[in-house]
Amino acid sequence: MYSIVKNVIGRGGFDLSALIQKIDTLWVQGSLTDEQREELVSFARSDAKKHDSVDVAAKLEELDRRVAALEKAGATEESGEEYPDFVVGKWYYTGDTCTFDGNRYTCTAPGDVACVWSPADYPAYWELVN
């Protein structure tokens, strides 16, 4: 197993985190000695190129930014608008407002039901305000 992992590292193009996890798994299973494990981890770290490995923390931060942006889309507090444009995929609840096709609407979905449909697609959950 040692030589196979070393060849993989030598070829490049690997996810550093996943490779180190695999090395550790092989070590725990007894397929690698302590010395082989240390050598492979060191070789992988020194040979890893920034573009070849995944920065999990950066990906999570990017995901958090995207989620925050989606949550803000159309929000009355953020936009300062009383009737922001309808946002496809946003969850609307009773009392939420939007502008759709030039008309203003208030969501009338019952209880804790989320409405993801436009006033044209599901008019039963929307009340025309104009």
C-alpha atoms as a PDB file:
ATOM      1  CA  MET A   1       0.000   0.000   0.000  1.00  0.00           C
ATOM      2  CA  TYR A   2       2.890   2.315   0.769  1.00  0.00           C
ATOM      3  CA  SER A   3       4.140   2.353  -2.831  1.00  0.00           C
ATOM      4  CA  ILE A   4       0.637   2.873  -4.242  1.00  0.00           C
ATOM      5  CA  VAL A   5      -0.004   5.897  -2.031  1.00  0.00           C
ATOM      6  CA  LYS A   6       3.444   7.276  -2.821  1.00  0.00           C
ATOM      7  CA  ASN A   7       2.696   6.978  -6.559  1.00  0.00           C
ATOM      8  CA  VAL A   8      -0.609   8.803  -6.107  1.00  0.00           C
ATOM      9  CA  ILE A   9       1.168  11.635  -4.323  1.00  0.00           C
ATOM     10  CA  GLY A  10       3.831  11.776  -7.016  1.00  0.00           C
ATOM     11  CA  ARG A  11       1.215  12.174  -9.758  1.00  0.00           C
ATOM     12  CA  GLY A  12      -0.443  15.120  -7.974  1.00  0.00           C
ATOM     13  CA  GLY A  13      -4.013  16.276  -8.457  1.00  0.00           C
ATOM     14  CA  PHE A  14      -5.214  14.913  -5.128  1.00  0.00           C
ATOM     15  CA  ASP A  15      -7.370  16.315  -2.329  1.00  0.00           C
ATOM     16  CA  LEU A  16      -4.908  16.695   0.535  1.00  0.00           C
ATOM     17  CA  SER A  17      -7.492  16.243   3.300  1.00  0.00           C
ATOM     18  CA  ALA A  18      -8.959  13.100   1.730  1.00  0.00           C
ATOM     19  CA  LEU A  19      -5.512  11.626   1.060  1.00  0.00           C
ATOM     20  CA  ILE A  20      -4.314  12.182   4.612  1.00  0.00           C
ATOM     21  CA  GLN A  21      -7.522  10.593   5.885  1.00  0.00           C
ATOM     22  CA  LYS A  22      -6.866   7.561   3.656  1.00  0.00           C
ATOM     23  CA  ILE A  23      -3.258   7.355   4.882  1.00  0.00           C
ATOM     24  CA  ASP A  24      -4.495   7.413   8.482  1.00  0.00           C
ATOM     25  CA  THR A  25      -7.051   4.709   7.711  1.00  0.00           C
ATOM     26  CA  LEU A  26      -4.360   2.476   6.209  1.00  0.00           C
ATOM     27  CA  TRP A  27      -2.161   3.118   9.246  1.00  0.00           C
ATOM     28  CA  VAL A  28      -4.963   2.221  11.684  1.00  0.00           C
ATOM     29  CA  GLN A  29      -5.641  -0.961   9.700  1.00  0.00           C
ATOM     30  CA  GLY A  30      -1.982  -1.906  10.050  1.00  0.00           C
ATOM     31  CA  SER A  31      -1.181  -1.564   6.341  1.00  0.00           C
ATOM     32  CA  LEU A  32       1.406   1.163   7.056  1.00  0.00           C
ATOM     33  CA  THR A  33       4.073   1.452   9.725  1.00  0.00           C
ATOM     34  CA  ASP A  34       4.418   4.597  11.842  1.00  0.00           C
ATOM     35  CA  GLU A  35       7.423   5.634   9.782  1.00  0.00           C
ATOM     36  CA  GLN A  36       5.653   5.059   6.459  1.00  0.00           C
ATOM     37  CA  ARG A  37       2.647   7.046   7.651  1.00  0.00           C
ATOM     38  CA  GLU A  38       4.804   9.989   8.732  1.00  0.00           C
ATOM     39  CA  GLU A  39       6.748   9.923   5.463  1.00  0.00           C
ATOM     40  CA  LEU A  40       3.615   9.794   3.288  1.00  0.00           C
ATOM     41  CA  VAL A  41       1.864  12.579   5.206  1.00  0.00           C
ATOM     42  CA  SER A  42       4.965  14.753   4.999  1.00  0.00           C
ATOM     43  CA  PHE A  43       5.399  13.997   1.278  1.00  0.00           C
ATOM     44  CA  ALA A  44       1.735  14.729   0.571  1.00  0.00           C
ATOM     45  CA  ARG A  45       1.854  18.027   2.427  1.00  0.00           C
ATOM     46  CA  SER A  46       5.043  19.158   0.739  1.00  0.00           C
ATOM     47  CA  ASP A  47       3.857  18.057  -2.717  1.00  0.00           C
ATOM     48  CA  ALA A  48       0.307  19.385  -2.487  1.00  0.00           C
ATOM     49  CA  LYS A  49      -0.354  22.376  -4.667  1.00  0.00           C
ATOM     50  CA  LYS A  50      -2.813  24.944  -3.470  1.00  0.00           C
ATOM     51  CA  HIS A  51      -5.084  24.402  -6.472  1.00  0.00           C
ATOM     52  CA  ASP A  52      -4.969  20.625  -6.030  1.00  0.00           C
ATOM     53  CA  SER A  53      -6.325  20.545  -2.493  1.00  0.00           C
ATOM     54  CA  VAL A  54      -9.659  21.687  -1.134  1.00  0.00           C
ATOM     55  CA  ASP A  55      -9.754  24.367   1.543  1.00  0.00           C
ATOM     56  CA  VAL A  56     -12.788  23.168   3.469  1.00  0.00           C
ATOM     57  CA  ALA A  57     -12.910  26.235   5.726  1.00  0.00           C
ATOM     58  CA  ALA A  58     -12.931  28.559   2.713  1.00  0.00           C
ATOM     59  CA  LYS A  59     -15.671  26.513   1.056  1.00  0.00           C
ATOM     60  CA  LEU A  60     -17.800  26.700   4.219  1.00  0.00           C
ATOM     61  CA  GLU A  61     -17.289  30.464   4.462  1.00  0.00           C
ATOM     62  CA  GLU A  62     -18.313  30.833   0.811  1.00  0.00           C
ATOM     63  CA  LEU A  63     -21.403  28.718   1.469  1.00  0.00           C
ATOM     64  CA  ASP A  64     -22.296  30.855   4.514  1.00  0.00           C
ATOM     65  CA  ARG A  65     -21.988  34.014   2.386  1.00  0.00           C
ATOM     66  CA  ARG A  66     -24.227  32.540  -0.304  1.00  0.00           C
ATOM     67  CA  VAL A  67     -26.862  31.447   2.215  1.00  0.00           C
ATOM     68  CA  ALA A  68     -26.833  34.887   3.831  1.00  0.00           C
ATOM     69  CA  ALA A  69     -27.235  36.535   0.427  1.00  0.00           C
ATOM     70  CA  LEU A  70     -30.181  34.279  -0.417  1.00  0.00           C
ATOM     71  CA  GLU A  71     -31.818  34.977   2.939  1.00  0.00           C
ATOM     72  CA  LYS A  72     -31.419  38.710   2.378  1.00  0.00           C
ATOM     73  CA  ALA A  73     -32.806  38.598  -1.142  1.00  0.00           C
ATOM     74  CA  GLY A  74     -36.091  40.390  -1.062  1.00  0.00           C
ATOM     75  CA  ALA A  75     -36.046  40.957   2.702  1.00  0.00           C
ATOM     76  CA  THR A  76     -37.849  44.144   3.642  1.00  0.00           C
ATOM     77  CA  GLU A  77     -35.356  45.006   6.409  1.00  0.00           C
ATOM     78  CA  GLU A  78     -32.386  44.835   4.065  1.00  0.00           C
ATOM     79  CA  SER A  79     -33.883  46.397   0.975  1.00  0.00           C
ATOM     80  CA  GLY A  80     -35.831  49.127   2.712  1.00  0.00           C
ATOM     81  CA  GLU A  81     -38.751  48.303   0.393  1.00  0.00           C
ATOM     82  CA  GLU A  82     -42.181  47.541   1.684  1.00  0.00           C
ATOM     83  CA  TYR A  83     -42.863  45.225  -1.261  1.00  0.00           C
ATOM     84  CA  PRO A  84     -39.569  43.813  -2.593  1.00  0.00           C
ATOM     85  CA  ASP A  85     -39.483  41.881  -5.859  1.00  0.00           C
ATOM     86  CA  PHE A  86     -40.601  38.252  -5.657  1.00  0.00           C
ATOM     87  CA  VAL A  87     -37.575  35.947  -5.309  1.00  0.00           C
ATOM     88  CA  VAL A  88     -37.758  32.495  -6.868  1.00  0.00           C
ATOM     89  CA  GLY A  89     -36.931  29.823  -4.273  1.00  0.00           C
ATOM     90  CA  LYS A  90     -37.464  32.093  -1.249  1.00  0.00           C
ATOM     91  CA  TRP A  91     -39.792  30.804   1.430  1.00  0.00           C
ATOM     92  CA  TYR A  92     -42.682  33.167   2.104  1.00  0.00           C
ATOM     93  CA  TYR A  93     -44.860  32.953   5.196  1.00  0.00           C
ATOM     94  CA  THR A  94     -48.119  34.623   6.250  1.00  0.00           C
ATOM     95  CA  GLY A  95     -47.656  38.386   6.205  1.00  0.00           C
ATOM     96  CA  ASP A  96     -44.604  38.427   3.927  1.00  0.00           C
ATOM     97  CA  THR A  97     -44.937  40.826   1.013  1.00  0.00           C
ATOM     98  CA  CYS A  98     -43.623  41.004  -2.523  1.00  0.00           C
ATOM     99  CA  THR A  99     -44.030  42.679  -5.883  1.00  0.00           C
ATOM    100  CA  PHE A 100     -44.771  40.338  -8.778  1.00  0.00           C
ATOM    101  CA  ASP A 101     -45.528  41.379 -12.372  1.00  0.00           C
ATOM    102  CA  GLY A 102     -45.984  44.979 -11.209  1.00  0.00           C
ATOM    103  CA  ASN A 103     -48.533  44.108  -8.531  1.00  0.00           C
ATOM    104  CA  ARG A 104     -48.101  44.048  -4.758  1.00  0.00           C
ATOM    105  CA  TYR A 105     -49.026  40.916  -2.810  1.00  0.00           C
ATOM    106  CA  THR A 106     -49.205  39.684   0.782  1.00  0.00           C
ATOM    107  CA  CYS A 107     -48.646  36.000   1.530  1.00  0.00           C
ATOM    108  CA  THR A 108     -51.624  34.259   3.146  1.00  0.00           C
ATOM    109  CA  ALA A 109     -50.191  30.753   3.538  1.00  0.00           C
ATOM    110  CA  PRO A 110     -51.767  29.083   6.582  1.00  0.00           C
ATOM    111  CA  GLY A 111     -49.900  28.596   9.868  1.00  0.00           C
ATOM    112  CA  ASP A 112     -46.260  27.622   9.500  1.00  0.00           C
ATOM    113  CA  VAL A 113     -46.628  26.645   5.846  1.00  0.00           C
ATOM    114  CA  ALA A 114     -43.970  28.069   3.555  1.00  0.00           C
ATOM    115  CA  CYS A 115     -45.015  29.241   0.121  1.00  0.00           C
ATOM    116  CA  VAL A 116     -42.343  29.012  -2.567  1.00  0.00           C
ATOM    117  CA  TRP A 117     -44.656  29.635  -5.511  1.00  0.00           C
ATOM    118  CA  SER A 118     -45.287  32.945  -7.215  1.00  0.00           C
ATOM    119  CA  PRO A 119     -48.702  34.580  -7.014  1.00  0.00           C
ATOM    120  CA  ALA A 120     -49.294  33.442 -10.606  1.00  0.00           C
ATOM    121  CA  ASP A 121     -48.373  29.826  -9.838  1.00  0.00           C
ATOM    122  CA  TYR A 122     -50.303  29.503  -6.561  1.00  0.00           C
ATOM    123  CA  PRO A 123     -52.749  32.403  -6.137  1.00  0.00           C
ATOM    124  CA  ALA A 124     -54.487  30.731  -3.163  1.00  0.00           C
ATOM    125  CA  TYR A 125     -51.542  31.736  -0.937  1.00  0.00           C
ATOM    126  CA  TRP A 126     -51.371  35.349  -2.139  1.00  0.00           C
ATOM    127  CA  GLU A 127     -53.612  38.366  -1.643  1.00  0.00           C
ATOM    128  CA  LEU A 128     -53.434  41.199  -4.172  1.00  0.00           C
ATOM    129  CA  VAL A 129     -52.802  44.506  -2.381  1.00  0.00           C
ATOM    130  CA  ASN A 130     -53.080  46.937  -5.347  1.00  0.00           C
END
